[in-house]
Structure formats: structure tokens, C-alpha cells
Amino acid sequence: MATSQQDTDPALQRIGSGIIRDVASIVAASVLYGIYLILIFFSVIGLLKKGWKGRASLFQLVATVALFVIASFLWAENFGVLVKRIQFALIDTTLGNIDEQLDLANEDTVTKRLRAMNDVMFVFEYIIGDLLIVWRVWILYSRATIVGLSLVILWLAVFVTGMGFVICDIKTNFARFLDQVLSPHSGTCINLGSSSWPLSLVLNLVATVMLGRIIWMRRNAFRRIGGRQIVRTSRVDRVLSILVAASTVYMILGVVEYMTEIIVVRCMTTSQGNTHTIQAMYPTAVFVFVLKEGQLSSHEVASFNVSNIRLPSTAFTRPNRGLPERPDSTPSTDFKPDQPKGIMVTMDEVVADV
């Protein structure tokens, strides 16, 4: 009797610690998902008010809804896996002793397939999110060819490796999840998956640096004419700063998650749900923030008012030709005609195709 009790105690401790970890994770993911529901509501309403029939708005709307659908599936899948594990480990006592129940909870084929779908849907999620990032930065750089080409090449690398990972998993019938011994094809799947997400993080790093470059260029330009206070108070610069900060935080979270999976033996639990939700929330949250800033002051222009200077404009859409020009506006001798783009951004332009 004492021996049976001694055998049961470690198993109960394993079950208890696992349940506590998974429940805490799913609660955190549920809180994030609740915030995401609020963001998606304001995002869709904002897009519909702006007019969703334009190509840019339609693209934003479709991408936003697609990210929400994927995030909803991932949240439901993580919750379902948790319920299934609890059922096997604690509720269904006809499956054998407690150690056998715990093994079944960890090795069940249904939950393994659900976890495999988790990985597949996550790939689609960051591919769509990265495409939004590429588009945003390209528009901010006035559709510059070299910028667009560089970012598209990186995104294509993410897309090819990600889709290769998905196709490989489907062709092998998710063997890497279901088999204890990995086949050569399963190893290929793992290599593709291990390449795709880091490439996505590299793309986000490049995009963050390019956004930071716009802020740096603007600040340097304003300092040259003594307009530092304008930079400090401009909503445009605050929006750009928030974009950089959000990109940095998102990238750091992604690196931490990726390093955790490398260092720790991968155990597909609900802990990944938080990363998946944040991945989908990031572009939506940025859009809602920029839209809110634009509504506060839709005609604000971060220009050099002290000397009536109009610099080349960089925006999320084509320059607004409806804005009146200053009759006494004269070009500055401090700037050459080929002044780098990305210095002046109006809130009208930022919000138009955000």
C-alpha cells in the first residue's frame, strides 16, 4: 500500500504542476484574446468608416479579419488540448493507472494532430502579419523601389520556407508529431520550420531599423533649422515612435520564444497561445493607434513652420494633392533637391492607407 502511494505521489505532482502551468497560460491567452476582440472591433469599424472599397483598405480589412480568424482558431485549439489533457489525466479513470493516464494525455494522437495544426496556422499568421509590415514600411518610404525590393525578397524567403514547412508536414502526415523516430522527411520539415520564423524576425528587425531611420532623418533635418520643439510635439513623430517601439517589443518577444524552444525540449502546451495571439494583435493594435491619432488631428502637418519649408513627403498613401500650398513657400537652401525621403509625414497621409 505504501509503495502504491509512493508511486502515485510523483504522478500527481506532475499532473498538478502541468495543469497549473497550462491553466495559467490559457488564462493569460484569454485575457489577450479579450483585448484582441476590442481591437478587432475598432479596427473593422475604422476601416468601414474610411471606406473599404479601395484596394489598400480592402487589403487591410481582409488581412485583419484573416489574422483574427487564425488567432481565434489557435486560442480554441489550445483550450481544447488543455481540456482533453485534463480529461485523460483526471476524469477518465477507465484508461488504466494514473501513470498510464498521464502518458495517454501526453501522447494522444488527436491532441498531437491539433498541436500540429497549431504550428501550421501559426505559419500563415506570421506570413500575413509580415506582409502588412512590408507594405507599411514601403508606403512610408514613398514606394521606393530599392526599399520595396529588399523587403519583398525577405518576405518571399519567409513565405517559401514557411509554406515548404507546411507542405512538408502535410505530405508526411505530421509524422514528426506522431512518430517517436523522425524520418528524413520529418527532419526537413523541422529545418524549414526552424528557418522560417527566424527569417520573419529578421524581417521585423530590418523594418524596425528602417522606421527608426525615418525618425532619425526627421530629427536631424529639424535640428539643422532649429525646429527641435516641433519634433517633440508632433503627433506624426509620436506615431512613428510608437511603431518603432511596438516593432521592437514584438521582435524581442519573438526572439525570447524562439530561444526558449531551442534551449528547452519542446513540449507543445498552451504556453504558445500567448505568442500566437500577440502575433495577430500587433498589426491590428498599430492600426487602431494610428487611426485614433489621426482622428485627433487629421490635418496636422509636421513641417518646418519657422521658415515655411516644405520637404519631400513620405506617407502611407500618395501625397494629398488637396492640401493648400503656402503662397509664400520657398525652398530652403539648406536642403538639396535630392533630399532623402521620409522627413515630412502628415497625419492625413499616415491614416489614409494605414
Foldseek 3Di string as FASTA:
>chain_A
DVVVVVVVVVLVVVVVVVLVVQVVLLVVLVVLLVVLVVLLVLLLVLLVVLPCPDPLSVLVNVLLVLLNVLLVLLSVLQVVLSVQLCCQQPPPPVQDDNVSSNVCSQQPPVNLVSLVVNLLSLLVLLLSLLVVLLLQLCLQQVVDPVSSVVLVVLSVLLVVLSVVLVVLCVVVVNCVSNPPDDDPSNVSSVVSSLPNLVSSLVSLVVSLVSLVVLLVLQCVVCVVVVNNVLCVPDPVNVLSVVLSVLSVVLSVVSVVVSVCCVVDPDRRHSNCSNNSSSSSSSVSVSLSVLSVSCVVPVFDKSDDVVQLEDDAERASDPDDPPDDHDPPRDHDPVDDPPRRYSRIYGSNRHNSSD
